[in-house]
PDB file of N, CA and C in Angstrom:
ATOM      1  N   MET A   1       0.810  -1.189   0.000  1.00  0.00           N
ATOM      2  CA  MET A   1       0.000   0.000   0.000  1.00  0.00           C
ATOM      3  C   MET A   1       0.861   1.264   0.000  1.00  0.00           C
ATOM      4  N   ARG A   2       2.149   1.082   0.080  1.00  0.00           N
ATOM      5  CA  ARG A   2       3.001   2.261   0.056  1.00  0.00           C
ATOM      6  C   ARG A   2       2.845   2.992  -1.260  1.00  0.00           C
ATOM      7  N   GLU A   3       3.054   4.272  -1.198  1.00  0.00           N
ATOM      8  CA  GLU A   3       2.987   5.144  -2.359  1.00  0.00           C
ATOM      9  C   GLU A   3       1.587   5.217  -2.947  1.00  0.00           C
ATOM     10  N   LYS A   4       0.582   4.767  -2.236  1.00  0.00           N
ATOM     11  CA  LYS A   4      -0.790   4.826  -2.727  1.00  0.00           C
ATOM     12  C   LYS A   4      -1.643   5.663  -1.784  1.00  0.00           C
ATOM     13  N   ARG A   5      -1.085   6.687  -1.273  1.00  0.00           N
ATOM     14  CA  ARG A   5      -1.793   7.527  -0.324  1.00  0.00           C
ATOM     15  C   ARG A   5      -2.698   8.504  -1.047  1.00  0.00           C
ATOM     16  N   ASN A   6      -3.810   8.785  -0.414  1.00  0.00           N
ATOM     17  CA  ASN A   6      -4.726   9.781  -0.920  1.00  0.00           C
ATOM     18  C   ASN A   6      -4.369  11.101  -0.253  1.00  0.00           C
ATOM     19  N   SER A   7      -3.858  12.029  -1.020  1.00  0.00           N
ATOM     20  CA  SER A   7      -3.399  13.295  -0.443  1.00  0.00           C
ATOM     21  C   SER A   7      -4.554  14.121   0.119  1.00  0.00           C
ATOM     22  N   LYS A   8      -5.781  13.800  -0.247  1.00  0.00           N
ATOM     23  CA  LYS A   8      -6.938  14.552   0.235  1.00  0.00           C
ATOM     24  C   LYS A   8      -7.614  13.875   1.419  1.00  0.00           C
ATOM     25  N   PHE A   9      -6.995  12.822   1.953  1.00  0.00           N
ATOM     26  CA  PHE A   9      -7.596  12.073   3.057  1.00  0.00           C
ATOM     27  C   PHE A   9      -7.944  12.968   4.236  1.00  0.00           C
ATOM     28  N   PHE A  10      -7.026  13.808   4.640  1.00  0.00           N
ATOM     29  CA  PHE A  10      -7.235  14.638   5.825  1.00  0.00           C
ATOM     30  C   PHE A  10      -8.322  15.690   5.606  1.00  0.00           C
ATOM     31  N   ASN A  11      -8.589  16.035   4.355  1.00  0.00           N
ATOM     32  CA  ASN A  11      -9.675  16.980   4.075  1.00  0.00           C
ATOM     33  C   ASN A  11     -11.036  16.372   4.387  1.00  0.00           C
ATOM     34  N   ASN A  12     -11.119  15.044   4.394  1.00  0.00           N
ATOM     35  CA  ASN A  12     -12.378  14.359   4.672  1.00  0.00           C
ATOM     36  C   ASN A  12     -12.677  14.236   6.159  1.00  0.00           C
ATOM     37  N   ILE A  13     -11.712  14.552   6.990  1.00  0.00           N
ATOM     38  CA  ILE A  13     -11.931  14.469   8.431  1.00  0.00           C
ATOM     39  C   ILE A  13     -12.633  15.759   8.859  1.00  0.00           C
ATOM     40  N   ASN A  14     -13.871  15.584   9.312  1.00  0.00           N
ATOM     41  CA  ASN A  14     -14.652  16.738   9.760  1.00  0.00           C
ATOM     42  C   ASN A  14     -15.359  16.385  11.065  1.00  0.00           C
ATOM     43  N   HIS A  15     -16.218  17.274  11.530  1.00  0.00           N
ATOM     44  CA  HIS A  15     -16.878  17.047  12.816  1.00  0.00           C
ATOM     45  C   HIS A  15     -17.786  15.819  12.789  1.00  0.00           C
ATOM     46  N   VAL A  16     -18.374  15.511  11.662  1.00  0.00           N
ATOM     47  CA  VAL A  16     -19.243  14.335  11.569  1.00  0.00           C
ATOM     48  C   VAL A  16     -18.418  13.067  11.784  1.00  0.00           C
ATOM     49  N   PHE A  17     -17.263  13.000  11.141  1.00  0.00           N
ATOM     50  CA  PHE A  17     -16.368  11.851  11.291  1.00  0.00           C
ATOM     51  C   PHE A  17     -15.912  11.717  12.742  1.00  0.00           C
ATOM     52  N   ILE A  18     -15.520  12.828  13.353  1.00  0.00           N
ATOM     53  CA  ILE A  18     -15.041  12.809  14.737  1.00  0.00           C
ATOM     54  C   ILE A  18     -16.156  12.354  15.670  1.00  0.00           C
ATOM     55  N   CYS A  19     -17.360  12.858  15.492  1.00  0.00           N
ATOM     56  CA  CYS A  19     -18.493  12.467  16.346  1.00  0.00           C
ATOM     57  C   CYS A  19     -18.835  10.995  16.157  1.00  0.00           C
ATOM     58  N   LEU A  20     -18.752  10.486  14.932  1.00  0.00           N
ATOM     59  CA  LEU A  20     -19.037   9.079  14.674  1.00  0.00           C
ATOM     60  C   LEU A  20     -18.013   8.179  15.354  1.00  0.00           C
ATOM     61  N   VAL A  21     -16.741   8.516  15.230  1.00  0.00           N
ATOM     62  CA  VAL A  21     -15.686   7.728  15.870  1.00  0.00           C
ATOM     63  C   VAL A  21     -15.835   7.778  17.390  1.00  0.00           C
ATOM     64  N   ALA A  22     -16.101   8.961  17.925  1.00  0.00           N
ATOM     65  CA  ALA A  22     -16.273   9.103  19.381  1.00  0.00           C
ATOM     66  C   ALA A  22     -17.490   8.319  19.864  1.00  0.00           C
ATOM     67  N   ALA A  23     -18.565   8.312  19.092  1.00  0.00           N
ATOM     68  CA  ALA A  23     -19.756   7.558  19.471  1.00  0.00           C
ATOM     69  C   ALA A  23     -19.471   6.059  19.476  1.00  0.00           C
ATOM     70  N   ALA A  24     -18.723   5.593  18.479  1.00  0.00           N
ATOM     71  CA  ALA A  24     -18.367   4.172  18.434  1.00  0.00           C
ATOM     72  C   ALA A  24     -17.492   3.794  19.621  1.00  0.00           C
ATOM     73  N   MET A  25     -16.524   4.634  19.933  1.00  0.00           N
ATOM     74  CA  MET A  25     -15.645   4.356  21.074  1.00  0.00           C
ATOM     75  C   MET A  25     -16.431   4.360  22.378  1.00  0.00           C
ATOM     76  N   GLN A  26     -17.310   5.346  22.542  1.00  0.00           N
ATOM     77  CA  GLN A  26     -18.101   5.432  23.764  1.00  0.00           C
ATOM     78  C   GLN A  26     -19.018   4.216  23.892  1.00  0.00           C
ATOM     79  N   HIS A  27     -19.592   3.785  22.786  1.00  0.00           N
ATOM     80  CA  HIS A  27     -20.475   2.618  22.791  1.00  0.00           C
ATOM     81  C   HIS A  27     -19.725   1.368  23.252  1.00  0.00           C
ATOM     82  N   CYS A  28     -18.543   1.151  22.691  1.00  0.00           N
ATOM     83  CA  CYS A  28     -17.746  -0.031  23.048  1.00  0.00           C
ATOM     84  C   CYS A  28     -17.269   0.028  24.500  1.00  0.00           C
ATOM     85  N   LEU A  29     -16.811   1.190  24.924  1.00  0.00           N
ATOM     86  CA  LEU A  29     -16.337   1.327  26.299  1.00  0.00           C
ATOM     87  C   LEU A  29     -17.468   1.153  27.306  1.00  0.00           C
ATOM     88  N   LYS A  30     -18.656   1.627  26.950  1.00  0.00           N
ATOM     89  CA  LYS A  30     -19.810   1.470  27.833  1.00  0.00           C
ATOM     90  C   LYS A  30     -20.156  -0.007  27.991  1.00  0.00           C
ATOM     91  N   GLU A  31     -20.100  -0.767  26.900  1.00  0.00           N
ATOM     92  CA  GLU A  31     -20.388  -2.199  26.975  1.00  0.00           C
ATOM     93  C   GLU A  31     -19.341  -2.926  27.816  1.00  0.00           C
ATOM     94  N   LEU A  32     -18.095  -2.522  27.700  1.00  0.00           N
ATOM     95  CA  LEU A  32     -17.050  -3.139  28.509  1.00  0.00           C
ATOM     96  C   LEU A  32     -17.237  -2.810  29.990  1.00  0.00           C
ATOM     97  N   LYS A  33     -17.599  -1.563  30.271  1.00  0.00           N
ATOM     98  CA  LYS A  33     -17.768  -1.133  31.656  1.00  0.00           C
ATOM     99  C   LYS A  33     -18.926  -1.857  32.337  1.00  0.00           C
ATOM    100  N   THR A  34     -20.019  -2.026  31.607  1.00  0.00           N
ATOM    101  CA  THR A  34     -21.198  -2.664  32.194  1.00  0.00           C
ATOM    102  C   THR A  34     -21.099  -4.180  32.199  1.00  0.00           C
ATOM    103  N   GLY A  35     -20.095  -4.720  31.499  1.00  0.00           N
ATOM    104  CA  GLY A  35     -19.938  -6.170  31.433  1.00  0.00           C
ATOM    105  C   GLY A  35     -20.840  -6.821  30.413  1.00  0.00           C
ATOM    106  N   GLU A  36     -21.497  -6.009  29.585  1.00  0.00           N
ATOM    107  CA  GLU A  36     -22.386  -6.543  28.569  1.00  0.00           C
ATOM    108  C   GLU A  36     -21.664  -6.834  27.267  1.00  0.00           C
ATOM    109  N   ALA A  37     -20.370  -6.595  27.224  1.00  0.00           N
ATOM    110  CA  ALA A  37     -19.620  -6.783  25.988  1.00  0.00           C
ATOM    111  C   ALA A  37     -19.569  -8.253  25.610  1.00  0.00           C
ATOM    112  N   THR A  38     -19.789  -8.500  24.356  1.00  0.00           N
ATOM    113  CA  THR A  38     -19.680  -9.846  23.816  1.00  0.00           C
ATOM    114  C   THR A  38     -18.532  -9.841  22.821  1.00  0.00           C
ATOM    115  N   GLU A  39     -18.294 -10.981  22.210  1.00  0.00           N
ATOM    116  CA  GLU A  39     -17.212 -11.024  21.220  1.00  0.00           C
ATOM    117  C   GLU A  39     -17.494 -10.061  20.074  1.00  0.00           C
ATOM    118  N   ALA A  40     -18.732 -10.002  19.635  1.00  0.00           N
ATOM    119  CA  ALA A  40     -19.099  -9.113  18.536  1.00  0.00           C
ATOM    120  C   ALA A  40     -19.937  -7.968  19.100  1.00  0.00           C
ATOM    121  N   VAL A  41     -19.299  -6.844  19.347  1.00  0.00           N
ATOM    122  CA  VAL A  41     -20.010  -5.677  19.864  1.00  0.00           C
ATOM    123  C   VAL A  41     -20.789  -5.077  18.698  1.00  0.00           C
ATOM    124  N   GLU A  42     -22.080  -4.918  18.883  1.00  0.00           N
ATOM    125  CA  GLU A  42     -22.918  -4.384  17.812  1.00  0.00           C
ATOM    126  C   GLU A  42     -23.012  -2.874  17.923  1.00  0.00           C
ATOM    127  N   PHE A  43     -22.526  -2.230  16.913  1.00  0.00           N
ATOM    128  CA  PHE A  43     -22.626  -0.776  16.817  1.00  0.00           C
ATOM    129  C   PHE A  43     -23.577  -0.489  15.674  1.00  0.00           C
ATOM    130  N   LYS A  44     -24.790  -0.119  16.005  1.00  0.00           N
ATOM    131  CA  LYS A  44     -25.780   0.151  14.975  1.00  0.00           C
ATOM    132  C   LYS A  44     -26.577   1.393  15.337  1.00  0.00           C
ATOM    133  N   TYR A  45     -27.318   1.869  14.388  1.00  0.00           N
ATOM    134  CA  TYR A  45     -28.043   3.132  14.537  1.00  0.00           C
ATOM    135  C   TYR A  45     -28.920   3.152  15.781  1.00  0.00           C
ATOM    136  N   GLU A  46     -29.650   2.082  15.998  1.00  0.00           N
ATOM    137  CA  GLU A  46     -30.594   2.041  17.109  1.00  0.00           C
ATOM    138  C   GLU A  46     -29.917   2.226  18.467  1.00  0.00           C
ATOM    139  N   THR A  47     -28.686   1.757  18.599  1.00  0.00           N
ATOM    140  CA  THR A  47     -28.008   1.807  19.886  1.00  0.00           C
ATOM    141  C   THR A  47     -27.071   3.005  20.041  1.00  0.00           C
ATOM    142  N   ALA A  48     -26.706   3.649  18.938  1.00  0.00           N
ATOM    143  CA  ALA A  48     -25.694   4.707  19.029  1.00  0.00           C
ATOM    144  C   ALA A  48     -26.147   6.067  18.518  1.00  0.00           C
ATOM    145  N   ALA A  49     -27.320   6.161  17.935  1.00  0.00           N
ATOM    146  CA  ALA A  49     -27.756   7.431  17.348  1.00  0.00           C
ATOM    147  C   ALA A  49     -27.846   8.535  18.387  1.00  0.00           C
ATOM    148  N   ALA A  50     -28.385   8.229  19.559  1.00  0.00           N
ATOM    149  CA  ALA A  50     -28.534   9.259  20.589  1.00  0.00           C
ATOM    150  C   ALA A  50     -27.175   9.838  20.986  1.00  0.00           C
ATOM    151  N   THR A  51     -26.191   8.965  21.152  1.00  0.00           N
ATOM    152  CA  THR A  51     -24.846   9.429  21.510  1.00  0.00           C
ATOM    153  C   THR A  51     -24.262  10.295  20.401  1.00  0.00           C
ATOM    154  N   PHE A  52     -24.418   9.846  19.152  1.00  0.00           N
ATOM    155  CA  PHE A  52     -23.890  10.595  18.010  1.00  0.00           C
ATOM    156  C   PHE A  52     -24.509  11.989  17.954  1.00  0.00           C
ATOM    157  N   TYR A  53     -25.808  12.085  18.063  1.00  0.00           N
ATOM    158  CA  TYR A  53     -26.467  13.392  17.980  1.00  0.00           C
ATOM    159  C   TYR A  53     -26.132  14.276  19.186  1.00  0.00           C
ATOM    160  N   HIS A  54     -25.970  13.671  20.331  1.00  0.00           N
ATOM    161  CA  HIS A  54     -25.552  14.430  21.517  1.00  0.00           C
ATOM    162  C   HIS A  54     -24.159  15.030  21.283  1.00  0.00           C
ATOM    163  N   LEU A  55     -23.248  14.234  20.729  1.00  0.00           N
ATOM    164  CA  LEU A  55     -21.893  14.730  20.453  1.00  0.00           C
ATOM    165  C   LEU A  55     -21.919  15.831  19.402  1.00  0.00           C
ATOM    166  N   GLN A  56     -22.756  15.671  18.376  1.00  0.00           N
ATOM    167  CA  GLN A  56     -22.863  16.709  17.352  1.00  0.00           C
ATOM    168  C   GLN A  56     -23.402  18.008  17.935  1.00  0.00           C
ATOM    169  N   ASN A  57     -24.406  17.903  18.816  1.00  0.00           N
ATOM    170  CA  ASN A  57     -24.957  19.103  19.450  1.00  0.00           C
ATOM    171  C   ASN A  57     -23.913  19.773  20.341  1.00  0.00           C
ATOM    172  N   THR A  58     -23.123  18.960  21.042  1.00  0.00           N
ATOM    173  CA  THR A  58     -22.055  19.507  21.880  1.00  0.00           C
ATOM    174  C   THR A  58     -21.020  20.209  21.015  1.00  0.00           C
ATOM    175  N   TRP A  59     -20.670  19.606  19.893  1.00  0.00           N
ATOM    176  CA  TRP A  59     -19.724  20.198  18.952  1.00  0.00           C
ATOM    177  C   TRP A  59     -20.208  21.584  18.509  1.00  0.00           C
ATOM    178  N   GLY A  60     -21.500  21.701  18.257  1.00  0.00           N
ATOM    179  CA  GLY A  60     -22.071  22.962  17.798  1.00  0.00           C
ATOM    180  C   GLY A  60     -22.023  24.069  18.837  1.00  0.00           C
ATOM    181  N   LEU A  61     -21.833  23.731  20.096  1.00  0.00           N
ATOM    182  CA  LEU A  61     -21.763  24.743  21.150  1.00  0.00           C
ATOM    183  C   LEU A  61     -20.445  25.507  21.143  1.00  0.00           C
ATOM    184  N   TYR A  62     -19.402  24.901  20.559  1.00  0.00           N
ATOM    185  CA  TYR A  62     -18.099  25.559  20.522  1.00  0.00           C
ATOM    186  C   TYR A  62     -18.083  26.657  19.466  1.00  0.00           C
ATOM    187  N   ASP A  63     -17.285  27.666  19.706  1.00  0.00           N
ATOM    188  CA  ASP A  63     -17.061  28.735  18.745  1.00  0.00           C
ATOM    189  C   ASP A  63     -16.386  28.156  17.495  1.00  0.00           C
ATOM    190  N   GLU A  64     -16.620  28.741  16.344  1.00  0.00           N
ATOM    191  CA  GLU A  64     -16.050  28.254  15.082  1.00  0.00           C
ATOM    192  C   GLU A  64     -14.525  28.190  15.135  1.00  0.00           C
ATOM    193  N   LYS A  65     -13.888  29.157  15.779  1.00  0.00           N
ATOM    194  CA  LYS A  65     -12.423  29.155  15.885  1.00  0.00           C
ATOM    195  C   LYS A  65     -11.941  27.963  16.705  1.00  0.00           C
ATOM    196  N   VAL A  66     -12.661  27.655  17.765  1.00  0.00           N
ATOM    197  CA  VAL A  66     -12.294  26.518  18.610  1.00  0.00           C
ATOM    198  C   VAL A  66     -12.457  25.211  17.829  1.00  0.00           C
ATOM    199  N   ARG A  67     -13.567  25.090  17.093  1.00  0.00           N
ATOM    200  CA  ARG A  67     -13.795  23.876  16.288  1.00  0.00           C
ATOM    201  C   ARG A  67     -12.696  23.700  15.250  1.00  0.00           C
ATOM    202  N   THR A  68     -12.300  24.800  14.621  1.00  0.00           N
ATOM    203  CA  THR A  68     -11.232  24.739  13.628  1.00  0.00           C
ATOM    204  C   THR A  68      -9.927  24.284  14.267  1.00  0.00           C
ATOM    205  N   LEU A  69      -9.610  24.818  15.444  1.00  0.00           N
ATOM    206  CA  LEU A  69      -8.382  24.424  16.144  1.00  0.00           C
ATOM    207  C   LEU A  69      -8.417  22.956  16.580  1.00  0.00           C
ATOM    208  N   ILE A  70      -9.583  22.494  17.044  1.00  0.00           N
ATOM    209  CA  ILE A  70      -9.702  21.093  17.462  1.00  0.00           C
ATOM    210  C   ILE A  70      -9.455  20.172  16.270  1.00  0.00           C
ATOM    211  N   LEU A  71     -10.086  20.462  15.135  1.00  0.00           N
ATOM    212  CA  LEU A  71      -9.884  19.633  13.938  1.00  0.00           C
ATOM    213  C   LEU A  71      -8.428  19.677  13.472  1.00  0.00           C
ATOM    214  N   ALA A  72      -7.823  20.866  13.499  1.00  0.00           N
ATOM    215  CA  ALA A  72      -6.418  20.987  13.090  1.00  0.00           C
ATOM    216  C   ALA A  72      -5.520  20.167  14.008  1.00  0.00           C
ATOM    217  N   ASN A  73      -5.816  20.174  15.303  1.00  0.00           N
ATOM    218  CA  ASN A  73      -5.036  19.412  16.272  1.00  0.00           C
ATOM    219  C   ASN A  73      -5.176  17.905  16.022  1.00  0.00           C
ATOM    220  N   ILE A  74      -6.397  17.450  15.784  1.00  0.00           N
ATOM    221  CA  ILE A  74      -6.628  16.029  15.513  1.00  0.00           C
ATOM    222  C   ILE A  74      -5.885  15.601  14.249  1.00  0.00           C
ATOM    223  N   LYS A  75      -5.970  16.411  13.188  1.00  0.00           N
ATOM    224  CA  LYS A  75      -5.299  16.080  11.932  1.00  0.00           C
ATOM    225  C   LYS A  75      -3.780  16.058  12.105  1.00  0.00           C
ATOM    226  N   ALA A  76      -3.241  17.012  12.855  1.00  0.00           N
ATOM    227  CA  ALA A  76      -1.790  17.047  13.100  1.00  0.00           C
ATOM    228  C   ALA A  76      -1.354  15.816  13.883  1.00  0.00           C
ATOM    229  N   ASN A  77      -2.161  15.431  14.872  1.00  0.00           N
ATOM    230  CA  ASN A  77      -1.845  14.245  15.665  1.00  0.00           C
ATOM    231  C   ASN A  77      -1.855  12.997  14.783  1.00  0.00           C
ATOM    232  N   LEU A  78      -2.843  12.887  13.915  1.00  0.00           N
ATOM    233  CA  LEU A  78      -2.911  11.738  13.012  1.00  0.00           C
ATOM    234  C   LEU A  78      -1.727  11.714  12.048  1.00  0.00           C
ATOM    235  N   ARG A  79      -1.366  12.875  11.514  1.00  0.00           N
ATOM    236  CA  ARG A  79      -0.208  12.941  10.608  1.00  0.00           C
ATOM    237  C   ARG A  79       1.060  12.454  11.312  1.00  0.00           C
ATOM    238  N   THR A  80       1.233  12.897  12.553  1.00  0.00           N
ATOM    239  CA  THR A  80       2.410  12.493  13.329  1.00  0.00           C
ATOM    240  C   THR A  80       2.418  10.990  13.548  1.00  0.00           C
ATOM    241  N   ARG A  81       1.274  10.454  13.972  1.00  0.00           N
ATOM    242  CA  ARG A  81       1.193   9.014  14.246  1.00  0.00           C
ATOM    243  C   ARG A  81       1.377   8.183  12.983  1.00  0.00           C
ATOM    244  N   ILE A  82       0.808   8.620  11.881  1.00  0.00           N
ATOM    245  CA  ILE A  82       0.969   7.901  10.625  1.00  0.00           C
ATOM    246  C   ILE A  82       2.425   7.988  10.171  1.00  0.00           C
ATOM    247  N   GLY A  83       3.044   9.138  10.358  1.00  0.00           N
ATOM    248  CA  GLY A  83       4.458   9.290  10.013  1.00  0.00           C
ATOM    249  C   GLY A  83       5.338   8.357  10.818  1.00  0.00           C
ATOM    250  N   GLU A  84       5.031   8.193  12.107  1.00  0.00           N
ATOM    251  CA  GLU A  84       5.792   7.272  12.954  1.00  0.00           C
ATOM    252  C   GLU A  84       5.585   5.836  12.500  1.00  0.00           C
ATOM    253  N   PHE A  85       4.385   5.514  12.075  1.00  0.00           N
ATOM    254  CA  PHE A  85       4.095   4.168  11.591  1.00  0.00           C
ATOM    255  C   PHE A  85       4.907   3.864  10.345  1.00  0.00           C
ATOM    256  N   ASP A  86       5.005   4.837   9.435  1.00  0.00           N
ATOM    257  CA  ASP A  86       5.791   4.638   8.219  1.00  0.00           C
ATOM    258  C   ASP A  86       7.250   4.370   8.530  1.00  0.00           C
ATOM    259  N   LYS A  87       7.799   5.066   9.529  1.00  0.00           N
ATOM    260  CA  LYS A  87       9.194   4.845   9.899  1.00  0.00           C
ATOM    261  C   LYS A  87       9.398   3.435  10.432  1.00  0.00           C
ATOM    262  N   LYS A  88       8.445   2.945  11.212  1.00  0.00           N
ATOM    263  CA  LYS A  88       8.543   1.589  11.736  1.00  0.00           C
ATOM    264  C   LYS A  88       8.437   0.580  10.609  1.00  0.00           C
ATOM    265  N   ALA A  89       7.561   0.845   9.652  1.00  0.00           N
ATOM    266  CA  ALA A  89       7.375  -0.085   8.542  1.00  0.00           C
ATOM    267  C   ALA A  89       8.625  -0.162   7.677  1.00  0.00           C
ATOM    268  N   GLU A  90       9.353   0.957   7.541  1.00  0.00           N
ATOM    269  CA  GLU A  90      10.559   0.958   6.732  1.00  0.00           C
ATOM    270  C   GLU A  90      11.674   0.141   7.373  1.00  0.00           C
ATOM    271  N   MET A  91      11.580  -0.125   8.671  1.00  0.00           N
ATOM    272  CA  MET A  91      12.615  -0.882   9.356  1.00  0.00           C
ATOM    273  C   MET A  91      12.459  -2.377   9.129  1.00  0.00           C
ATOM    274  N   GLU A  92      11.357  -2.802   8.534  1.00  0.00           N
ATOM    275  CA  GLU A  92      11.147  -4.213   8.280  1.00  0.00           C
ATOM    276  C   GLU A  92      12.116  -4.686   7.202  1.00  0.00           C
ATOM    277  N   ALA A  93      12.463  -5.966   7.270  1.00  0.00           N
ATOM    278  CA  ALA A  93      13.381  -6.537   6.291  1.00  0.00           C
ATOM    279  C   ALA A  93      12.741  -6.522   4.909  1.00  0.00           C
ATOM    280  N   SER A  94      13.537  -6.183   3.917  1.00  0.00           N
ATOM    281  CA  SER A  94      13.012  -6.173   2.555  1.00  0.00           C
ATOM    282  C   SER A  94      13.296  -7.497   1.842  1.00  0.00           C
ATOM    283  N   ASP A  95      14.194  -8.311   2.429  1.00  0.00           N
ATOM    284  CA  ASP A  95      14.503  -9.604   1.826  1.00  0.00           C
ATOM    285  C   ASP A  95      13.393 -10.604   2.127  1.00  0.00           C
ATOM    286  N   LEU A  96      13.243 -11.570   1.244  1.00  0.00           N
ATOM    287  CA  LEU A  96      12.266 -12.619   1.466  1.00  0.00           C
ATOM    288  C   LEU A  96      12.727 -13.535   2.590  1.00  0.00           C
ATOM    289  N   CYS A  97      11.786 -14.092   3.300  1.00  0.00           N
ATOM    290  CA  CYS A  97      12.118 -15.038   4.351  1.00  0.00           C
ATOM    291  C   CYS A  97      12.589 -16.340   3.725  1.00  0.00           C
ATOM    292  N   ALA A  98      13.476 -17.034   4.405  1.00  0.00           N
ATOM    293  CA  ALA A  98      13.962 -18.317   3.912  1.00  0.00           C
ATOM    294  C   ALA A  98      12.878 -19.364   4.107  1.00  0.00           C
ATOM    295  N   VAL A  99      12.721 -20.208   3.105  1.00  0.00           N
ATOM    296  CA  VAL A  99      11.732 -21.280   3.184  1.00  0.00           C
ATOM    297  C   VAL A  99      12.412 -22.508   3.773  1.00  0.00           C
ATOM    298  N   VAL A 100      11.825 -23.024   4.844  1.00  0.00           N
ATOM    299  CA  VAL A 100      12.374 -24.196   5.513  1.00  0.00           C
ATOM    300  C   VAL A 100      11.640 -25.424   4.996  1.00  0.00           C
ATOM    301  N   GLU A 101      12.379 -26.519   4.853  1.00  0.00           N
ATOM    302  CA  GLU A 101      11.731 -27.759   4.403  1.00  0.00           C
ATOM    303  C   GLU A 101      10.648 -28.143   5.383  1.00  0.00           C
ATOM    304  N   GLY A 102       9.516 -28.555   4.867  1.00  0.00           N
ATOM    305  CA  GLY A 102       8.370 -28.896   5.701  1.00  0.00           C
ATOM    306  C   GLY A 102       8.665 -30.006   6.685  1.00  0.00           C
ATOM    307  N   GLU A 103       9.379 -31.054   6.246  1.00  0.00           N
ATOM    308  CA  GLU A 103       9.644 -32.201   7.111  1.00  0.00           C
ATOM    309  C   GLU A 103      10.513 -31.805   8.309  1.00  0.00           C
ATOM    310  N   SER A 104      11.549 -31.007   8.078  1.00  0.00           N
ATOM    311  CA  SER A 104      12.416 -30.622   9.184  1.00  0.00           C
ATOM    312  C   SER A 104      11.686 -29.696  10.154  1.00  0.00           C
ATOM    313  N   TYR A 105      10.804 -28.884   9.646  1.00  0.00           N
ATOM    314  CA  TYR A 105      10.024 -27.997  10.505  1.00  0.00           C
ATOM    315  C   TYR A 105       9.079 -28.806  11.374  1.00  0.00           C
ATOM    316  N   ILE A 106       8.445 -29.788  10.787  1.00  0.00           N
ATOM    317  CA  ILE A 106       7.507 -30.642  11.535  1.00  0.00           C
ATOM    318  C   ILE A 106       8.239 -31.439  12.612  1.00  0.00           C
ATOM    319  N   SER A 107       9.432 -31.940  12.278  1.00  0.00           N
ATOM    320  CA  SER A 107      10.170 -32.732  13.259  1.00  0.00           C
ATOM    321  C   SER A 107      10.631 -31.864  14.435  1.00  0.00           C
ATOM    322  N   GLU A 108      10.926 -30.572  14.196  1.00  0.00           N
ATOM    323  CA  GLU A 108      11.327 -29.680  15.268  1.00  0.00           C
ATOM    324  C   GLU A 108      10.180 -29.385  16.219  1.00  0.00           C
ATOM    325  N   LEU A 109       8.975 -29.400  15.690  1.00  0.00           N
ATOM    326  CA  LEU A 109       7.809 -29.141  16.545  1.00  0.00           C
ATOM    327  C   LEU A 109       7.567 -30.325  17.421  1.00  0.00           C
TER     328      LEU A 109
END
């Protein structure tokens, strides 16, 4: 996936995206806290819409300058974290792994 980045990705991050991600996180954390979490946590409209709309309404209470700064901060944080991930990925070996004979591998197990 290297060199296939969408340069406009960060332009798509807006308050709706942030509220959706926060609602999903809050939903999952609430299930873990109450002990109702199962292997497959269901995040669907019926269970998360109220949280999403509450977060959107809260977002609207902030001044436009504050909202702009919050989004800029989130995007900068993501850029930094993605940049760190790329550096770690570049440290991986570029050579192919050696193929071990199946019989000798099985006997070692």
